[in-house]
Amino acid sequence: MFHLKKKNPLGRNAEHRKALLRNLAIELIKHKRIKTTVAKAKALKRYIEPILTRAKQDTTHNRRYVFKHLQNKEAVKILFSDIAPKIMDRNGGYTRVLRLGMWRRGDNAEMALIELVDFNEALLEAKKEKKTTAEAPTKKRRRRRSRKKKTDEGATTAETTQTQEKNNNQPEESSGTSDSESKEDSEQGNA
């Protein structure tokens, strides 16, 4: 049974999997965005989120904890000096996995892009533009149906009741001719 087995083994033994995730984490910290398979990206997300949370507090204990998992001095330095200040106000969700919609040629594995959320410059610029356009006055949306002019509600309800009473009191003309026949008769009389 597969109960209580949360980790994706990624087809590797434990040591190989740890080395793989460590190397992917180091590359993600250095380059801020990497291209890999969807399965590896999801496993990396679970691996690196606690490390990024530890990096928010710059203490000796946290630096040693992060170094134990990464074992790369340069990556630890970048993490605590560049990345930690940017993610300080974020409560989790430091990475984003984007499916690319393409598959690797050899084994047809689905590819994905994993990136640090606060380092996607194009997306951050789009958000800034959106905020500036939101501050500008927006056009009113046009509606498809026309609206009646608003008047006093009491007057409109009184008028509608009066018109309904008039329609009920007027006798209906019941002649054998229809409206189209009566129009033809009136046209012939005029001609």
N, C-alpha and C. Protein backbone atom coordinates (compact mmCIF):
# COMPACT_ATOMS: atom_id res chain seq x y z
N MET A 1 0.83 -1.19 0.00
CA MET A 1 0.00 0.00 0.00
C MET A 1 0.87 1.25 0.00
N PHE A 2 0.30 2.34 -0.47
CA PHE A 2 1.06 3.59 -0.62
C PHE A 2 0.69 4.58 0.48
N HIS A 3 0.25 4.11 1.63
CA HIS A 3 -0.19 4.99 2.70
C HIS A 3 1.00 5.67 3.37
N LEU A 4 0.81 6.91 3.77
CA LEU A 4 1.80 7.71 4.50
C LEU A 4 3.12 7.86 3.76
N LYS A 5 3.08 7.88 2.46
CA LYS A 5 4.29 8.11 1.67
C LYS A 5 4.07 9.37 0.84
N LYS A 6 4.43 10.52 1.41
CA LYS A 6 4.14 11.80 0.79
C LYS A 6 5.18 12.20 -0.25
N LYS A 7 6.42 11.81 -0.07
CA LYS A 7 7.46 12.25 -0.97
C LYS A 7 7.35 11.54 -2.31
N ASN A 8 7.63 12.29 -3.35
CA ASN A 8 7.73 11.69 -4.68
C ASN A 8 9.16 11.17 -4.83
N PRO A 9 9.32 9.86 -4.97
CA PRO A 9 10.69 9.33 -5.02
C PRO A 9 11.44 9.73 -6.29
N LEU A 10 10.75 10.20 -7.30
CA LEU A 10 11.36 10.65 -8.56
C LEU A 10 12.21 9.57 -9.23
N GLY A 11 11.91 8.30 -8.93
CA GLY A 11 12.63 7.20 -9.56
C GLY A 11 14.08 7.09 -9.12
N ARG A 12 14.40 7.58 -7.92
CA ARG A 12 15.78 7.58 -7.43
C ARG A 12 15.81 7.08 -6.00
N ASN A 13 16.97 6.64 -5.57
CA ASN A 13 17.10 6.28 -4.17
C ASN A 13 17.26 7.55 -3.33
N ALA A 14 17.29 7.43 -2.02
CA ALA A 14 17.23 8.59 -1.12
C ALA A 14 18.40 9.55 -1.33
N GLU A 15 19.61 9.02 -1.40
CA GLU A 15 20.78 9.89 -1.54
C GLU A 15 20.77 10.64 -2.87
N HIS A 16 20.41 9.92 -3.92
CA HIS A 16 20.36 10.57 -5.23
C HIS A 16 19.29 11.66 -5.27
N ARG A 17 18.14 11.38 -4.65
CA ARG A 17 17.05 12.36 -4.61
C ARG A 17 17.46 13.61 -3.82
N LYS A 18 18.13 13.43 -2.68
CA LYS A 18 18.59 14.57 -1.88
C LYS A 18 19.59 15.41 -2.66
N ALA A 19 20.50 14.74 -3.37
CA ALA A 19 21.50 15.47 -4.17
C ALA A 19 20.82 16.24 -5.30
N LEU A 20 19.84 15.61 -5.93
CA LEU A 20 19.11 16.26 -7.02
C LEU A 20 18.39 17.51 -6.53
N LEU A 21 17.65 17.39 -5.43
CA LEU A 21 16.91 18.53 -4.90
C LEU A 21 17.85 19.63 -4.41
N ARG A 22 18.98 19.24 -3.83
CA ARG A 22 19.96 20.23 -3.39
C ARG A 22 20.49 21.03 -4.58
N ASN A 23 20.85 20.33 -5.65
CA ASN A 23 21.38 21.00 -6.83
C ASN A 23 20.32 21.90 -7.49
N LEU A 24 19.09 21.40 -7.56
CA LEU A 24 18.03 22.23 -8.14
C LEU A 24 17.79 23.48 -7.29
N ALA A 25 17.83 23.34 -5.96
CA ALA A 25 17.62 24.48 -5.07
C ALA A 25 18.74 25.50 -5.23
N ILE A 26 19.97 25.05 -5.35
CA ILE A 26 21.10 25.97 -5.53
C ILE A 26 20.94 26.74 -6.83
N GLU A 27 20.58 26.03 -7.89
CA GLU A 27 20.41 26.70 -9.19
C GLU A 27 19.23 27.68 -9.16
N LEU A 28 18.17 27.34 -8.46
CA LEU A 28 17.02 28.24 -8.35
C LEU A 28 17.41 29.51 -7.59
N ILE A 29 18.19 29.36 -6.55
CA ILE A 29 18.64 30.53 -5.78
C ILE A 29 19.56 31.41 -6.62
N LYS A 30 20.44 30.80 -7.39
CA LYS A 30 21.38 31.57 -8.20
C LYS A 30 20.70 32.26 -9.38
N HIS A 31 19.83 31.53 -10.08
CA HIS A 31 19.27 32.05 -11.34
C HIS A 31 17.85 32.60 -11.20
N LYS A 32 17.21 32.36 -10.06
CA LYS A 32 15.86 32.84 -9.74
C LYS A 32 14.76 32.16 -10.57
N ARG A 33 15.13 31.37 -11.56
CA ARG A 33 14.15 30.68 -12.42
C ARG A 33 14.87 29.56 -13.15
N ILE A 34 14.27 28.35 -13.10
CA ILE A 34 14.87 27.23 -13.82
C ILE A 34 13.78 26.44 -14.54
N LYS A 35 14.20 25.73 -15.57
CA LYS A 35 13.29 24.90 -16.36
C LYS A 35 13.58 23.44 -16.04
N THR A 36 12.54 22.71 -15.65
CA THR A 36 12.68 21.30 -15.28
C THR A 36 11.36 20.60 -15.54
N THR A 37 11.25 19.34 -15.13
CA THR A 37 9.99 18.63 -15.31
C THR A 37 9.00 19.05 -14.22
N VAL A 38 7.73 18.79 -14.44
CA VAL A 38 6.69 19.17 -13.49
C VAL A 38 6.89 18.43 -12.17
N ALA A 39 7.22 17.14 -12.21
CA ALA A 39 7.39 16.36 -10.99
C ALA A 39 8.56 16.89 -10.16
N LYS A 40 9.67 17.20 -10.82
CA LYS A 40 10.82 17.75 -10.09
C LYS A 40 10.52 19.14 -9.55
N ALA A 41 9.77 19.93 -10.29
CA ALA A 41 9.42 21.28 -9.83
C ALA A 41 8.55 21.22 -8.59
N LYS A 42 7.58 20.31 -8.57
CA LYS A 42 6.72 20.17 -7.38
C LYS A 42 7.52 19.68 -6.18
N ALA A 43 8.43 18.72 -6.41
CA ALA A 43 9.26 18.23 -5.31
C ALA A 43 10.20 19.32 -4.80
N LEU A 44 10.74 20.11 -5.72
CA LEU A 44 11.63 21.21 -5.34
C LEU A 44 10.88 22.27 -4.54
N LYS A 45 9.63 22.51 -4.90
CA LYS A 45 8.83 23.51 -4.17
C LYS A 45 8.68 23.11 -2.71
N ARG A 46 8.39 21.83 -2.47
CA ARG A 46 8.27 21.34 -1.09
C ARG A 46 9.60 21.38 -0.36
N TYR A 47 10.69 21.23 -1.08
CA TYR A 47 12.02 21.21 -0.46
C TYR A 47 12.50 22.62 -0.10
N ILE A 48 12.24 23.59 -0.98
CA ILE A 48 12.86 24.90 -0.81
C ILE A 48 12.03 25.89 0.01
N GLU A 49 10.72 25.68 0.10
CA GLU A 49 9.88 26.63 0.85
C GLU A 49 10.32 26.76 2.31
N PRO A 50 10.56 25.66 3.06
CA PRO A 50 11.03 25.82 4.44
C PRO A 50 12.40 26.50 4.54
N ILE A 51 13.25 26.27 3.55
CA ILE A 51 14.57 26.92 3.55
C ILE A 51 14.41 28.42 3.38
N LEU A 52 13.51 28.84 2.49
CA LEU A 52 13.27 30.27 2.28
C LEU A 52 12.64 30.90 3.52
N THR A 53 11.80 30.15 4.22
CA THR A 53 11.21 30.67 5.44
C THR A 53 12.29 30.90 6.50
N ARG A 54 13.23 29.98 6.60
CA ARG A 54 14.34 30.14 7.55
C ARG A 54 15.21 31.34 7.20
N ALA A 55 15.35 31.63 5.92
CA ALA A 55 16.23 32.71 5.49
C ALA A 55 15.68 34.09 5.85
N LYS A 56 14.40 34.17 6.20
CA LYS A 56 13.81 35.47 6.53
C LYS A 56 14.40 36.05 7.82
N GLN A 57 14.86 35.19 8.72
CA GLN A 57 15.51 35.65 9.96
C GLN A 57 16.99 35.32 9.85
N ASP A 58 17.81 36.34 9.83
CA ASP A 58 19.25 36.15 9.65
C ASP A 58 19.91 35.90 11.01
N THR A 59 19.91 34.65 11.43
CA THR A 59 20.59 34.26 12.67
C THR A 59 21.63 33.19 12.32
N THR A 60 22.54 32.98 13.22
CA THR A 60 23.58 31.98 13.00
C THR A 60 22.96 30.58 12.86
N HIS A 61 21.98 30.31 13.71
CA HIS A 61 21.33 29.00 13.65
C HIS A 61 20.67 28.79 12.28
N ASN A 62 19.95 29.80 11.78
CA ASN A 62 19.28 29.66 10.49
C ASN A 62 20.27 29.53 9.35
N ARG A 63 21.38 30.26 9.43
CA ARG A 63 22.40 30.12 8.38
C ARG A 63 22.97 28.69 8.37
N ARG A 64 23.20 28.13 9.56
CA ARG A 64 23.74 26.76 9.63
C ARG A 64 22.72 25.75 9.13
N TYR A 65 21.44 25.98 9.44
CA TYR A 65 20.37 25.08 8.98
C TYR A 65 20.30 25.10 7.45
N VAL A 66 20.35 26.29 6.88
CA VAL A 66 20.27 26.41 5.42
C VAL A 66 21.51 25.81 4.78
N PHE A 67 22.68 26.04 5.37
CA PHE A 67 23.90 25.47 4.80
C PHE A 67 23.89 23.95 4.87
N LYS A 68 23.28 23.39 5.93
CA LYS A 68 23.19 21.94 6.04
C LYS A 68 22.40 21.35 4.87
N HIS A 69 21.36 22.08 4.43
CA HIS A 69 20.53 21.57 3.33
C HIS A 69 21.12 21.90 1.95
N LEU A 70 21.79 23.04 1.82
CA LEU A 70 22.30 23.43 0.50
C LEU A 70 23.77 23.05 0.29
N GLN A 71 24.60 23.20 1.30
CA GLN A 71 26.03 22.92 1.25
C GLN A 71 26.72 23.67 0.12
N ASN A 72 26.38 24.97 0.04
CA ASN A 72 27.00 25.83 -0.95
C ASN A 72 27.05 27.23 -0.36
N LYS A 73 28.27 27.72 -0.06
CA LYS A 73 28.42 29.01 0.61
C LYS A 73 27.88 30.16 -0.23
N GLU A 74 28.13 30.10 -1.52
CA GLU A 74 27.69 31.18 -2.41
C GLU A 74 26.15 31.28 -2.43
N ALA A 75 25.49 30.13 -2.49
CA ALA A 75 24.03 30.13 -2.51
C ALA A 75 23.46 30.65 -1.19
N VAL A 76 24.09 30.30 -0.07
CA VAL A 76 23.63 30.78 1.23
C VAL A 76 23.79 32.29 1.31
N LYS A 77 24.90 32.80 0.80
CA LYS A 77 25.15 34.24 0.82
C LYS A 77 24.10 34.98 -0.02
N ILE A 78 23.82 34.48 -1.21
CA ILE A 78 22.81 35.10 -2.08
C ILE A 78 21.43 35.04 -1.42
N LEU A 79 21.14 33.90 -0.82
CA LEU A 79 19.82 33.72 -0.19
C LEU A 79 19.59 34.72 0.93
N PHE A 80 20.57 34.91 1.81
CA PHE A 80 20.38 35.80 2.94
C PHE A 80 20.55 37.28 2.58
N SER A 81 21.33 37.60 1.55
CA SER A 81 21.57 39.01 1.23
C SER A 81 20.58 39.56 0.19
N ASP A 82 20.25 38.78 -0.84
CA ASP A 82 19.40 39.28 -1.93
C ASP A 82 17.94 38.84 -1.82
N ILE A 83 17.73 37.57 -1.58
CA ILE A 83 16.37 37.01 -1.64
C ILE A 83 15.57 37.30 -0.37
N ALA A 84 16.19 37.13 0.79
CA ALA A 84 15.46 37.28 2.06
C ALA A 84 14.81 38.65 2.23
N PRO A 85 15.48 39.76 1.90
CA PRO A 85 14.79 41.06 2.06
C PRO A 85 13.55 41.22 1.18
N LYS A 86 13.58 40.60 0.01
CA LYS A 86 12.42 40.73 -0.89
C LYS A 86 11.23 39.89 -0.45
N ILE A 87 11.49 38.76 0.21
CA ILE A 87 10.39 37.88 0.61
C ILE A 87 9.98 38.09 2.06
N MET A 88 10.50 39.14 2.68
CA MET A 88 10.26 39.35 4.11
C MET A 88 8.77 39.50 4.44
N ASP A 89 8.00 40.19 3.62
CA ASP A 89 6.59 40.43 3.93
C ASP A 89 5.66 39.34 3.41
N ARG A 90 6.20 38.34 2.75
CA ARG A 90 5.37 37.26 2.19
C ARG A 90 5.29 36.11 3.18
N ASN A 91 4.08 35.61 3.39
CA ASN A 91 3.86 34.49 4.33
C ASN A 91 3.73 33.17 3.59
N GLY A 92 4.80 32.70 3.04
CA GLY A 92 4.77 31.44 2.30
C GLY A 92 4.45 31.68 0.83
N GLY A 93 4.53 30.64 0.05
CA GLY A 93 4.26 30.75 -1.38
C GLY A 93 5.34 31.54 -2.10
N TYR A 94 6.58 31.22 -1.82
CA TYR A 94 7.70 31.98 -2.38
C TYR A 94 8.02 31.57 -3.81
N THR A 95 7.56 30.40 -4.23
CA THR A 95 7.87 29.91 -5.57
C THR A 95 6.58 29.71 -6.37
N ARG A 96 6.75 29.70 -7.67
CA ARG A 96 5.62 29.51 -8.59
C ARG A 96 6.02 28.49 -9.64
N VAL A 97 5.15 27.50 -9.88
CA VAL A 97 5.40 26.49 -10.89
C VAL A 97 4.49 26.79 -12.08
N LEU A 98 5.09 27.03 -13.22
CA LEU A 98 4.34 27.33 -14.45
C LEU A 98 4.54 26.18 -15.44
N ARG A 99 3.46 25.54 -15.81
CA ARG A 99 3.55 24.47 -16.81
C ARG A 99 3.76 25.11 -18.18
N LEU A 100 4.71 24.60 -18.91
CA LEU A 100 5.07 25.21 -20.19
C LEU A 100 4.21 24.69 -21.35
N GLY A 101 3.52 23.59 -21.15
CA GLY A 101 2.70 23.04 -22.24
C GLY A 101 3.54 22.39 -23.33
N MET A 102 4.77 22.03 -23.00
CA MET A 102 5.62 21.31 -23.95
C MET A 102 6.21 20.11 -23.23
N TRP A 103 6.61 19.14 -24.02
CA TRP A 103 7.09 17.89 -23.45
C TRP A 103 8.51 17.65 -23.93
N ARG A 104 9.30 17.02 -23.07
CA ARG A 104 10.69 16.73 -23.41
C ARG A 104 10.74 15.69 -24.52
N ARG A 105 11.68 15.85 -25.41
CA ARG A 105 11.71 15.06 -26.62
C ARG A 105 11.99 13.58 -26.38
N GLY A 106 12.87 13.26 -25.48
CA GLY A 106 13.28 11.87 -25.30
C GLY A 106 12.24 11.01 -24.62
N ASP A 107 11.70 11.48 -23.51
CA ASP A 107 10.79 10.65 -22.73
C ASP A 107 9.39 11.23 -22.61
N ASN A 108 9.13 12.33 -23.27
CA ASN A 108 7.80 12.95 -23.31
C ASN A 108 7.34 13.41 -21.92
N ALA A 109 8.30 13.84 -21.08
CA ALA A 109 7.97 14.36 -19.75
C ALA A 109 7.50 15.81 -19.89
N GLU A 110 6.46 16.15 -19.16
CA GLU A 110 5.93 17.52 -19.23
C GLU A 110 6.90 18.47 -18.54
N MET A 111 7.19 19.59 -19.20
CA MET A 111 8.16 20.54 -18.69
C MET A 111 7.46 21.69 -17.96
N ALA A 112 8.18 22.27 -17.00
CA ALA A 112 7.64 23.38 -16.22
C ALA A 112 8.76 24.36 -15.92
N LEU A 113 8.33 25.54 -15.54
CA LEU A 113 9.26 26.59 -15.13
C LEU A 113 8.97 26.88 -13.67
N ILE A 114 9.98 26.79 -12.82
CA ILE A 114 9.79 27.14 -11.41
C ILE A 114 10.61 28.40 -11.17
N GLU A 115 9.97 29.37 -10.49
CA GLU A 115 10.63 30.65 -10.29
C GLU A 115 10.30 31.20 -8.91
N LEU A 116 11.13 32.10 -8.45
CA LEU A 116 10.85 32.81 -7.22
C LEU A 116 9.85 33.92 -7.55
N VAL A 117 8.80 34.02 -6.78
CA VAL A 117 7.67 34.90 -7.11
C VAL A 117 8.08 36.37 -7.17
N ASP A 118 8.88 36.83 -6.23
CA ASP A 118 9.22 38.25 -6.16
C ASP A 118 10.32 38.66 -7.13
N PHE A 119 10.79 37.76 -7.96
CA PHE A 119 11.86 38.08 -8.89
C PHE A 119 11.43 38.02 -10.35
N ASN A 120 10.14 37.89 -10.62
CA ASN A 120 9.65 37.89 -11.99
C ASN A 120 9.40 39.34 -12.39
N GLU A 121 10.36 39.95 -13.07
CA GLU A 121 10.32 41.38 -13.38
C GLU A 121 9.16 41.74 -14.31
N ALA A 122 8.90 40.91 -15.31
CA ALA A 122 7.82 41.21 -16.26
C ALA A 122 6.47 41.25 -15.56
N LEU A 123 6.25 40.29 -14.67
CA LEU A 123 4.98 40.24 -13.95
C LEU A 123 4.84 41.40 -12.97
N LEU A 124 5.93 41.77 -12.32
CA LEU A 124 5.90 42.90 -11.38
C LEU A 124 5.61 44.21 -12.11
N GLU A 125 6.19 44.38 -13.31
CA GLU A 125 5.92 45.59 -14.09
C GLU A 125 4.46 45.63 -14.54
N ALA A 126 3.92 44.49 -14.91
CA ALA A 126 2.51 44.43 -15.33
C ALA A 126 1.60 44.81 -14.17
N LYS A 127 1.94 44.37 -12.95
CA LYS A 127 1.14 44.73 -11.78
C LYS A 127 1.19 46.22 -11.53
N LYS A 128 2.37 46.84 -11.69
CA LYS A 128 2.49 48.28 -11.49
C LYS A 128 1.65 49.04 -12.51
N GLU A 129 1.68 48.60 -13.77
CA GLU A 129 0.86 49.24 -14.81
C GLU A 129 -0.62 49.09 -14.49
N LYS A 130 -0.99 47.94 -14.01
CA LYS A 130 -2.40 47.69 -13.67
C LYS A 130 -2.85 48.62 -12.55
N LYS A 131 -1.98 48.84 -11.56
CA LYS A 131 -2.32 49.74 -10.46
C LYS A 131 -2.48 51.17 -10.96
N THR A 132 -1.61 51.61 -11.87
CA THR A 132 -1.71 52.98 -12.37
C THR A 132 -2.96 53.16 -13.21
N THR A 133 -3.34 52.16 -13.97
CA THR A 133 -4.57 52.27 -14.76
C THR A 133 -5.80 52.19 -13.87
N ALA A 134 -5.69 51.48 -12.76
CA ALA A 134 -6.82 51.39 -11.83
C ALA A 134 -7.05 52.73 -11.14
N GLU A 135 -5.98 53.49 -10.92
CA GLU A 135 -6.12 54.79 -10.29
C GLU A 135 -6.74 55.80 -11.24
N ALA A 136 -6.52 55.65 -12.53
CA ALA A 136 -7.10 56.56 -13.52
C ALA A 136 -8.61 56.33 -13.58
N PRO A 137 -9.36 57.38 -13.92
CA PRO A 137 -10.82 57.20 -14.00
C PRO A 137 -11.18 56.21 -15.10
N THR A 138 -12.09 55.34 -14.78
CA THR A 138 -12.47 54.30 -15.74
C THR A 138 -13.75 54.72 -16.44
N LYS A 139 -13.96 54.20 -17.63
CA LYS A 139 -15.18 54.48 -18.38
C LYS A 139 -16.35 53.74 -17.75
N LYS A 140 -17.51 54.31 -17.92
CA LYS A 140 -18.70 53.62 -17.46
C LYS A 140 -19.01 52.49 -18.43
N ARG A 141 -19.46 51.40 -17.89
CA ARG A 141 -19.83 50.28 -18.75
C ARG A 141 -21.18 50.56 -19.38
N ARG A 142 -21.32 50.27 -20.64
CA ARG A 142 -22.58 50.47 -21.32
C ARG A 142 -23.45 49.24 -21.13
N ARG A 143 -24.69 49.47 -20.94
CA ARG A 143 -25.63 48.38 -20.78
C ARG A 143 -26.35 48.15 -22.10
N ARG A 144 -26.80 46.95 -22.30
CA ARG A 144 -27.44 46.60 -23.57
C ARG A 144 -28.84 47.16 -23.69
N ARG A 145 -29.58 47.14 -22.61
CA ARG A 145 -30.95 47.64 -22.70
C ARG A 145 -31.02 49.05 -22.16
N SER A 146 -31.91 49.80 -22.71
CA SER A 146 -32.05 51.18 -22.27
C SER A 146 -32.81 51.21 -20.96
N ARG A 147 -32.52 52.19 -20.18
CA ARG A 147 -33.19 52.34 -18.90
C ARG A 147 -34.19 53.48 -19.01
N LYS A 148 -35.31 53.32 -18.32
CA LYS A 148 -36.30 54.38 -18.28
C LYS A 148 -35.80 55.48 -17.37
N LYS A 149 -36.21 56.68 -17.67
CA LYS A 149 -35.80 57.80 -16.84
C LYS A 149 -36.46 57.67 -15.49
N LYS A 150 -35.67 57.94 -14.48
CA LYS A 150 -36.18 57.80 -13.12
C LYS A 150 -36.96 59.05 -12.73
N THR A 151 -38.14 58.84 -12.18
CA THR A 151 -38.93 59.92 -11.62
C THR A 151 -39.32 59.52 -10.21
N ASP A 152 -40.18 60.28 -9.60
CA ASP A 152 -40.62 59.91 -8.27
C ASP A 152 -41.28 58.55 -8.32
N GLU A 153 -40.95 57.70 -7.40
CA GLU A 153 -41.50 56.34 -7.41
C GLU A 153 -42.99 56.35 -7.18
N GLY A 154 -43.46 57.25 -6.32
CA GLY A 154 -44.90 57.32 -6.05
C GLY A 154 -45.69 57.71 -7.29
N ALA A 155 -45.13 58.65 -8.07
CA ALA A 155 -45.82 59.10 -9.28
C ALA A 155 -45.85 57.97 -10.30
N THR A 156 -44.78 57.24 -10.46
CA THR A 156 -44.75 56.18 -11.47
C THR A 156 -45.69 55.05 -11.09
N THR A 157 -45.77 54.72 -9.82
CA THR A 157 -46.68 53.63 -9.44
C THR A 157 -48.13 54.07 -9.59
N ALA A 158 -48.42 55.36 -9.28
CA ALA A 158 -49.78 55.86 -9.44
C ALA A 158 -50.17 55.87 -10.91
N GLU A 159 -49.24 56.28 -11.79
CA GLU A 159 -49.53 56.31 -13.23
C GLU A 159 -49.78 54.90 -13.76
N THR A 160 -48.99 53.94 -13.31
CA THR A 160 -49.17 52.58 -13.81
C THR A 160 -50.51 52.00 -13.36
N THR A 161 -50.92 52.30 -12.12
CA THR A 161 -52.22 51.79 -11.67
C THR A 161 -53.36 52.44 -12.44
N GLN A 162 -53.22 53.75 -12.78
CA GLN A 162 -54.26 54.44 -13.54
C GLN A 162 -54.38 53.85 -14.94
N THR A 163 -53.26 53.58 -15.58
CA THR A 163 -53.30 53.03 -16.93
C THR A 163 -53.88 51.61 -16.93
N GLN A 164 -53.58 50.86 -15.88
CA GLN A 164 -54.15 49.52 -15.80
C GLN A 164 -55.66 49.57 -15.63
N GLU A 165 -56.16 50.53 -14.83
CA GLU A 165 -57.60 50.66 -14.62
C GLU A 165 -58.29 51.07 -15.92
N LYS A 166 -57.67 51.99 -16.67
CA LYS A 166 -58.26 52.43 -17.95
C LYS A 166 -58.36 51.26 -18.92
N ASN A 167 -57.31 50.45 -18.97
CA ASN A 167 -57.31 49.31 -19.89
C ASN A 167 -58.39 48.30 -19.50
N ASN A 168 -58.62 48.13 -18.23
CA ASN A 168 -59.63 47.18 -17.78
C ASN A 168 -61.04 47.71 -18.04
N ASN A 169 -61.29 49.04 -17.94
CA ASN A 169 -62.62 49.62 -18.10
C ASN A 169 -63.02 49.78 -19.56
N GLN A 170 -62.06 49.91 -20.48
CA GLN A 170 -62.41 50.11 -21.88
C GLN A 170 -62.90 48.81 -22.48
N PRO A 171 -64.04 48.87 -23.19
CA PRO A 171 -64.52 47.65 -23.83
C PRO A 171 -63.64 47.30 -25.03
N GLU A 172 -63.44 46.04 -25.21
CA GLU A 172 -62.61 45.59 -26.34
C GLU A 172 -63.44 45.60 -27.61
N GLU A 173 -62.83 46.04 -28.68
CA GLU A 173 -63.52 46.04 -29.96
C GLU A 173 -63.39 44.65 -30.55
N SER A 174 -64.52 44.01 -30.71
CA SER A 174 -64.47 42.66 -31.25
C SER A 174 -65.14 42.66 -32.61
N SER A 175 -64.39 43.00 -33.60
CA SER A 175 -64.92 42.94 -34.96
C SER A 175 -64.25 41.76 -35.64
N GLY A 176 -64.80 41.31 -36.69
CA GLY A 176 -64.31 40.14 -37.38
C GLY A 176 -63.04 40.41 -38.16
N THR A 177 -62.65 41.66 -38.29
CA THR A 177 -61.46 41.98 -39.07
C THR A 177 -60.26 42.08 -38.17
N SER A 178 -59.14 41.73 -38.69
CA SER A 178 -57.90 41.85 -37.92
C SER A 178 -57.27 43.21 -38.18
N ASP A 179 -56.20 43.51 -37.52
CA ASP A 179 -55.53 44.79 -37.68
C ASP A 179 -55.03 44.99 -39.10
N SER A 180 -54.51 43.95 -39.72
CA SER A 180 -53.97 44.09 -41.07
C SER A 180 -55.08 44.37 -42.07
N GLU A 181 -56.27 43.74 -41.87
CA GLU A 181 -57.38 43.99 -42.78
C GLU A 181 -57.90 45.41 -42.61
N SER A 182 -57.92 45.90 -41.36
CA SER A 182 -58.40 47.25 -41.14
C SER A 182 -57.44 48.26 -41.75
N LYS A 183 -56.13 47.98 -41.74
CA LYS A 183 -55.16 48.88 -42.35
C LYS A 183 -55.38 48.92 -43.85
N GLU A 184 -55.66 47.77 -44.46
CA GLU A 184 -55.88 47.72 -45.90
C GLU A 184 -57.13 48.50 -46.27
N ASP A 185 -58.16 48.38 -45.45
CA ASP A 185 -59.40 49.12 -45.73
C ASP A 185 -59.16 50.62 -45.65
N SER A 186 -58.38 51.04 -44.65
CA SER A 186 -58.15 52.47 -44.51
C SER A 186 -57.28 52.98 -45.65
N GLU A 187 -56.35 52.18 -46.15
CA GLU A 187 -55.51 52.58 -47.28
C GLU A 187 -56.34 52.69 -48.55
N GLN A 188 -57.29 51.78 -48.73
CA GLN A 188 -58.12 51.83 -49.93
C GLN A 188 -59.05 53.04 -49.90
N GLY A 189 -59.52 53.36 -48.68
CA GLY A 189 -60.38 54.53 -48.54
C GLY A 189 -59.63 55.81 -48.83
N ASN A 190 -58.36 55.86 -48.49
CA ASN A 190 -57.55 57.04 -48.73
C ASN A 190 -57.14 57.18 -50.18
N ALA A 191 -57.08 56.10 -50.88
CA ALA A 191 -56.60 56.14 -52.27
C ALA A 191 -57.66 56.49 -53.24
